[in-house]
C-alpha atoms as a PDB file:
ATOM      1  CA  MET A   1     -20.385  35.409 112.813  1.00  0.00           C
ATOM      2  CA  LYS A   2     -17.924  37.491 110.358  1.00  0.00           C
ATOM      3  CA  LYS A   3     -18.836  41.827 110.313  1.00  0.00           C
ATOM      4  CA  ALA A   4     -19.386  42.677 107.208  1.00  0.00           C
ATOM      5  CA  LYS A   5     -16.586  45.791 106.082  1.00  0.00           C
ATOM      6  CA  LYS A   6     -17.281  48.474 106.676  1.00  0.00           C
ATOM      7  CA  GLY A   7     -17.924  50.347 103.250  1.00  0.00           C
ATOM      8  CA  PHE A   8     -18.214  47.159 101.184  1.00  0.00           C
ATOM      9  CA  THR A   9     -20.055  48.821  97.652  1.00  0.00           C
ATOM     10  CA  LEU A  10     -21.944  47.547  95.549  1.00  0.00           C
ATOM     11  CA  ARG A  11     -19.750  47.088  92.945  1.00  0.00           C
ATOM     12  CA  GLU A  12     -17.501  45.488  95.073  1.00  0.00           C
ATOM     13  CA  HIS A  13     -19.979  42.788  96.111  1.00  0.00           C
ATOM     14  CA  GLU A  14     -20.776  42.715  91.801  1.00  0.00           C
ATOM     15  CA  ARG A  15     -16.823  42.463  91.110  1.00  0.00           C
ATOM     16  CA  SER A  16     -16.213  39.527  93.731  1.00  0.00           C
ATOM     17  CA  LYS A  17     -19.056  37.341  91.978  1.00  0.00           C
ATOM     18  CA  ASN A  18     -17.557  38.176  88.998  1.00  0.00           C
ATOM     19  CA  GLY A  19     -13.974  37.198  89.697  1.00  0.00           C
ATOM     20  CA  GLY A  20     -12.887  40.543  89.922  1.00  0.00           C
ATOM     21  CA  ARG A  21     -13.824  41.827  86.349  1.00  0.00           C
ATOM     22  CA  ASP A  22     -15.688  44.833  85.678  1.00  0.00           C
ATOM     23  CA  GLU A  23     -18.553  44.920  83.245  1.00  0.00           C
ATOM     24  CA  GLY A  24     -18.263  46.293  79.809  1.00  0.00           C
ATOM     25  CA  PHE A  25     -15.729  47.022  77.581  1.00  0.00           C
ATOM     26  CA  THR A  26     -12.286  48.839  78.072  1.00  0.00           C
ATOM     27  CA  LEU A  27     -11.517  52.121  76.469  1.00  0.00           C
ATOM     28  CA  ILE A  28      -8.956  50.101  74.083  1.00  0.00           C
ATOM     29  CA  GLU A  29     -11.078  47.339  73.203  1.00  0.00           C
ATOM     30  CA  LEU A  30     -13.198  50.000  71.619  1.00  0.00           C
ATOM     31  CA  LEU A  31     -10.838  52.043  70.267  1.00  0.00           C
ATOM     32  CA  VAL A  32      -9.801  48.717  68.375  1.00  0.00           C
ATOM     33  CA  VAL A  33     -13.078  47.815  66.967  1.00  0.00           C
ATOM     34  CA  ILE A  34     -13.696  51.360  65.487  1.00  0.00           C
ATOM     35  CA  ALA A  35     -10.091  51.580  63.881  1.00  0.00           C
ATOM     36  CA  ILE A  36     -11.127  47.900  62.072  1.00  0.00           C
ATOM     37  CA  ILE A  37     -14.855  48.718  61.081  1.00  0.00           C
ATOM     38  CA  GLY A  38     -12.879  52.188  59.677  1.00  0.00           C
ATOM     39  CA  LEU A  39     -10.216  50.532  57.850  1.00  0.00           C
ATOM     40  CA  LEU A  40     -12.707  47.937  56.529  1.00  0.00           C
ATOM     41  CA  ALA A  41     -14.722  50.747  55.341  1.00  0.00           C
ATOM     42  CA  SER A  42     -12.033  53.021  53.451  1.00  0.00           C
ATOM     43  CA  ILE A  43     -11.354  49.774  51.965  1.00  0.00           C
ATOM     44  CA  VAL A  44     -14.634  49.095  50.369  1.00  0.00           C
ATOM     45  CA  LEU A  45     -15.179  52.922  49.514  1.00  0.00           C
ATOM     46  CA  VAL A  46     -12.125  52.638  47.536  1.00  0.00           C
ATOM     47  CA  SER A  47     -12.553  49.457  45.392  1.00  0.00           C
ATOM     48  CA  LEU A  48     -16.019  51.101  44.545  1.00  0.00           C
ATOM     49  CA  GLY A  49     -14.654  54.347  42.472  1.00  0.00           C
ATOM     50  CA  PRO A  50     -13.960  52.358  39.384  1.00  0.00           C
ATOM     51  CA  ALA A  51     -17.637  51.152  39.375  1.00  0.00           C
ATOM     52  CA  ARG A  52     -18.798  54.388  40.280  1.00  0.00           C
ATOM     53  CA  ALA A  53     -16.911  55.556  37.302  1.00  0.00           C
ATOM     54  CA  LYS A  54     -18.377  52.461  34.781  1.00  0.00           C
ATOM     55  CA  ALA A  55     -21.444  53.654  36.583  1.00  0.00           C
ATOM     56  CA  ARG A  56     -21.302  57.625  35.177  1.00  0.00           C
ATOM     57  CA  ASP A  57     -20.107  56.287  31.763  1.00  0.00           C
ATOM     58  CA  ALA A  58     -23.648  53.875  30.918  1.00  0.00           C
ATOM     59  CA  LYS A  59     -25.383  57.014  31.556  1.00  0.00           C
ATOM     60  CA  ARG A  60     -23.425  59.131  29.378  1.00  0.00           C
ATOM     61  CA  GLN A  61     -23.841  56.252  26.588  1.00  0.00           C
ATOM     62  CA  SER A  62     -27.209  56.082  27.124  1.00  0.00           C
ATOM     63  CA  ASP A  63     -27.813  59.798  27.116  1.00  0.00           C
ATOM     64  CA  ILE A  64     -26.101  59.579  23.941  1.00  0.00           C
ATOM     65  CA  ARG A  65     -27.955  56.890  22.824  1.00  0.00           C
ATOM     66  CA  GLN A  66     -31.445  58.861  23.435  1.00  0.00           C
ATOM     67  CA  ILE A  67     -30.360  61.779  21.543  1.00  0.00           C
ATOM     68  CA  ASN A  68     -29.541  59.684  18.596  1.00  0.00           C
ATOM     69  CA  LEU A  69     -33.029  58.529  18.906  1.00  0.00           C
ATOM     70  CA  ALA A  70     -34.279  61.981  19.226  1.00  0.00           C
ATOM     71  CA  MET A  71     -32.291  62.999  16.651  1.00  0.00           C
ATOM     72  CA  GLU A  72     -34.113  60.324  14.237  1.00  0.00           C
ATOM     73  CA  MET A  73     -37.549  60.333  14.883  1.00  0.00           C
ATOM     74  CA  CYS A  74     -37.125  63.886  14.466  1.00  0.00           C
ATOM     75  CA  TYR A  75     -35.833  63.642  10.817  1.00  0.00           C
ATOM     76  CA  ASP A  76     -38.857  61.289  10.072  1.00  0.00           C
ATOM     77  CA  ASP A  77     -41.041  63.614  11.156  1.00  0.00           C
ATOM     78  CA  SER A  78     -42.158  66.880   9.214  1.00  0.00           C
ATOM     79  CA  GLY A  79     -43.795  68.747  12.383  1.00  0.00           C
ATOM     80  CA  CYS A  80     -40.673  68.872  14.419  1.00  0.00           C
ATOM     81  CA  ASN A  81     -38.202  70.916  12.032  1.00  0.00           C
ATOM     82  CA  THR A  82     -39.975  74.142  11.942  1.00  0.00           C
ATOM     83  CA  GLY A  83     -38.773  77.423  11.912  1.00  0.00           C
ATOM     84  CA  ALA A  84     -36.044  79.700  10.346  1.00  0.00           C
ATOM     85  CA  LEU A  85     -33.017  77.698  10.750  1.00  0.00           C
ATOM     86  CA  ASN A  86     -35.334  74.190  10.146  1.00  0.00           C
ATOM     87  CA  GLY A  87     -37.254  73.610   6.756  1.00  0.00           C
ATOM     88  CA  GLY A  88     -39.035  69.959   7.407  1.00  0.00           C
ATOM     89  CA  ALA A  89     -39.160  66.282   6.890  1.00  0.00           C
ATOM     90  CA  GLU A  90     -36.262  64.432   6.325  1.00  0.00           C
ATOM     91  CA  LYS A  91     -33.947  67.099   7.985  1.00  0.00           C
ATOM     92  CA  TYR A  92     -31.794  66.583  11.005  1.00  0.00           C
ATOM     93  CA  PHE A  93     -32.940  69.365  13.933  1.00  0.00           C
ATOM     94  CA  ALA A  94     -30.803  72.350  13.211  1.00  0.00           C
ATOM     95  CA  ILE A  95     -27.637  73.140  15.167  1.00  0.00           C
ATOM     96  CA  SER A  96     -26.774  76.804  14.889  1.00  0.00           C
ATOM     97  CA  ASN A  97     -23.091  76.363  15.849  1.00  0.00           C
ATOM     98  CA  ALA A  98     -21.092  74.135  17.590  1.00  0.00           C
ATOM     99  CA  THR A  99     -21.762  74.266  21.297  1.00  0.00           C
ATOM    100  CA  ASP A 100     -20.807  72.166  24.382  1.00  0.00           C
ATOM    101  CA  THR A 101     -24.687  71.623  25.582  1.00  0.00           C
ATOM    102  CA  VAL A 102     -27.036  69.787  24.062  1.00  0.00           C
ATOM    103  CA  THR A 103     -30.686  71.221  23.538  1.00  0.00           C
ATOM    104  CA  ALA A 104     -34.367  70.544  22.962  1.00  0.00           C
ATOM    105  CA  ILE A 105     -34.457  68.416  20.082  1.00  0.00           C
ATOM    106  CA  GLY A 106     -38.133  69.319  19.051  1.00  0.00           C
ATOM    107  CA  ASN A 107     -41.312  66.865  21.075  1.00  0.00           C
ATOM    108  CA  TYR A 108     -39.054  64.068  21.244  1.00  0.00           C
ATOM    109  CA  MET A 109     -36.600  66.107  23.919  1.00  0.00           C
ATOM    110  CA  PRO A 110     -38.300  68.844  25.606  1.00  0.00           C
ATOM    111  CA  THR A 111     -36.132  71.256  27.496  1.00  0.00           C
ATOM    112  CA  GLY A 112     -36.925  69.371  30.846  1.00  0.00           C
ATOM    113  CA  ALA A 113     -35.923  66.187  29.040  1.00  0.00           C
ATOM    114  CA  VAL A 114     -32.900  67.062  27.610  1.00  0.00           C
ATOM    115  CA  PRO A 115     -30.024  64.629  29.937  1.00  0.00           C
ATOM    116  CA  LYS A 116     -27.329  66.412  31.889  1.00  0.00           C
ATOM    117  CA  ASP A 117     -23.550  65.088  32.809  1.00  0.00           C
ATOM    118  CA  PRO A 118     -24.060  62.851  36.158  1.00  0.00           C
ATOM    119  CA  SER A 119     -20.662  64.308  37.418  1.00  0.00           C
ATOM    120  CA  SER A 120     -19.570  67.470  38.042  1.00  0.00           C
ATOM    121  CA  ASP A 121     -15.926  67.175  36.609  1.00  0.00           C
ATOM    122  CA  SER A 122     -14.425  68.498  32.828  1.00  0.00           C
ATOM    123  CA  TYR A 123     -17.441  65.175  31.283  1.00  0.00           C
ATOM    124  CA  GLY A 124     -20.686  66.873  29.411  1.00  0.00           C
ATOM    125  CA  TYR A 125     -22.138  66.468  26.400  1.00  0.00           C
ATOM    126  CA  GLY A 126     -22.078  68.259  23.585  1.00  0.00           C
ATOM    127  CA  TRP A 127     -22.158  68.181  19.483  1.00  0.00           C
ATOM    128  CA  THR A 128     -21.154  69.854  16.332  1.00  0.00           C
ATOM    129  CA  ALA A 129     -22.381  72.379  14.282  1.00  0.00           C
ATOM    130  CA  ASN A 130     -24.354  70.913  11.230  1.00  0.00           C
ATOM    131  CA  ALA A 131     -25.527  73.513   8.186  1.00  0.00           C
ATOM    132  CA  SER A 132     -28.365  73.287   5.373  1.00  0.00           C
ATOM    133  CA  PRO A 133     -29.471  70.563   4.031  1.00  0.00           C
ATOM    134  CA  TYR A 134     -29.316  69.054   7.741  1.00  0.00           C
ATOM    135  CA  GLN A 135     -28.577  66.101   6.685  1.00  0.00           C
ATOM    136  CA  TYR A 136     -25.658  65.118   9.280  1.00  0.00           C
ATOM    137  CA  TYR A 137     -25.158  65.671  13.262  1.00  0.00           C
ATOM    138  CA  CYS A 138     -22.873  64.212  15.591  1.00  0.00           C
ATOM    139  CA  ALA A 139     -23.379  64.366  19.497  1.00  0.00           C
ATOM    140  CA  PHE A 140     -21.040  63.112  21.853  1.00  0.00           C
ATOM    141  CA  THR A 141     -19.240  62.733  25.593  1.00  0.00           C
ATOM    142  CA  LEU A 142     -15.972  62.118  26.866  1.00  0.00           C
ATOM    143  CA  LEU A 143     -15.950  58.624  28.513  1.00  0.00           C
ATOM    144  CA  GLU A 144     -13.938  57.985  32.367  1.00  0.00           C
ATOM    145  CA  SER A 145     -12.520  54.508  31.302  1.00  0.00           C
ATOM    146  CA  PRO A 146     -10.789  52.417  30.116  1.00  0.00           C
ATOM    147  CA  ALA A 147      -8.757  56.559  29.220  1.00  0.00           C
ATOM    148  CA  THR A 148      -9.473  59.809  29.635  1.00  0.00           C
ATOM    149  CA  THR A 149      -9.399  59.931  26.123  1.00  0.00           C
ATOM    150  CA  THR A 150     -12.058  57.258  25.013  1.00  0.00           C
ATOM    151  CA  TRP A 151     -14.743  59.196  23.220  1.00  0.00           C
ATOM    152  CA  PHE A 152     -18.858  57.626  22.761  1.00  0.00           C
ATOM    153  CA  CYS A 153     -20.744  59.319  20.040  1.00  0.00           C
ATOM    154  CA  ALA A 154     -24.167  59.075  18.052  1.00  0.00           C
ATOM    155  CA  SER A 155     -24.385  60.440  14.434  1.00  0.00           C
ATOM    156  CA  ASN A 156     -26.237  60.292  11.140  1.00  0.00           C
ATOM    157  CA  LYS A 157     -24.262  56.979  11.092  1.00  0.00           C
ATOM    158  CA  GLY A 158     -24.916  55.097  13.963  1.00  0.00           C
ATOM    159  CA  VAL A 159     -23.476  54.993  17.477  1.00  0.00           C
ATOM    160  CA  PHE A 160     -19.562  54.629  17.708  1.00  0.00           C
ATOM    161  CA  SER A 161     -17.003  54.742  20.493  1.00  0.00           C
ATOM    162  CA  LYS A 162     -13.132  55.703  20.409  1.00  0.00           C
ATOM    163  CA  GLU A 163     -10.448  56.594  21.828  1.00  0.00           C
ATOM    164  CA  TYR A 164      -7.992  59.887  20.478  1.00  0.00           C
ATOM    165  CA  PRO A 165      -7.230  63.240  21.871  1.00  0.00           C
ATOM    166  CA  GLY A 166      -9.527  66.171  21.294  1.00  0.00           C
ATOM    167  CA  PRO A 167     -13.477  66.345  20.694  1.00  0.00           C
ATOM    168  CA  PRO A 168     -14.955  64.959  17.732  1.00  0.00           C
ATOM    169  CA  SER A 169     -15.887  66.703  14.487  1.00  0.00           C
ATOM    170  CA  ASN A 170     -17.885  66.187  11.401  1.00  0.00           C
ATOM    171  CA  ALA A 171     -14.924  65.212   9.452  1.00  0.00           C
ATOM    172  CA  ASN A 172     -14.535  62.414  12.488  1.00  0.00           C
ATOM    173  CA  CYS A 173     -17.315  61.706  14.786  1.00  0.00           C
ATOM    174  CA  CYS A 174     -16.171  58.634  16.251  1.00  0.00           C
ATOM    175  CA  GLY A 175     -13.809  57.481  13.212  1.00  0.00           C
ATOM    176  CA  ALA A 176     -17.261  58.134  11.080  1.00  0.00           C
ATOM    177  CA  ASN A 177     -16.949  61.495   9.058  1.00  0.00           C
ATOM    178  CA  VAL A 178     -21.228  62.550   9.003  1.00  0.00           C
ATOM    179  CA  THR A 179     -20.905  64.808   6.432  1.00  0.00           C
ATOM    180  CA  ASN A 180     -20.757  62.076   3.524  1.00  0.00           C
END
């Protein structure tokens, strides 16, 4: 009968049953897997960038259309245009001066419902000043794609998209002269 080797541990016994191989993964195997997962994650995040820009643009276009709808509903409502600058039915909500911020439009777009730009960059909503008898307006936003000079506008002439430098004006609200 053979004598058991002194100092023989349970780990050595398990290793001898598995052909001398330890259970589990080595540090290098784990690092390689983590590196591959990180590489795949970075590829996915980079590919989602343009999709995110298009999603923000879709939100901006939807918001401008909502502003357009609120202005058109206000135009038809004699109760919407009351106050010192406004005067009754068949007039758009008065904008006393050119501004960078879209404000509440009567009851059709109350203060809490005024849209905010989906990004914190230099994009945003604006509109040009209209004047008595308040028969025109131009609300606009700058889009991120396809080019950084693409504007999306809503006015009394309709909703348009046009590429040109500089913000829209009453004479050129995405290609439409809203004062005519």
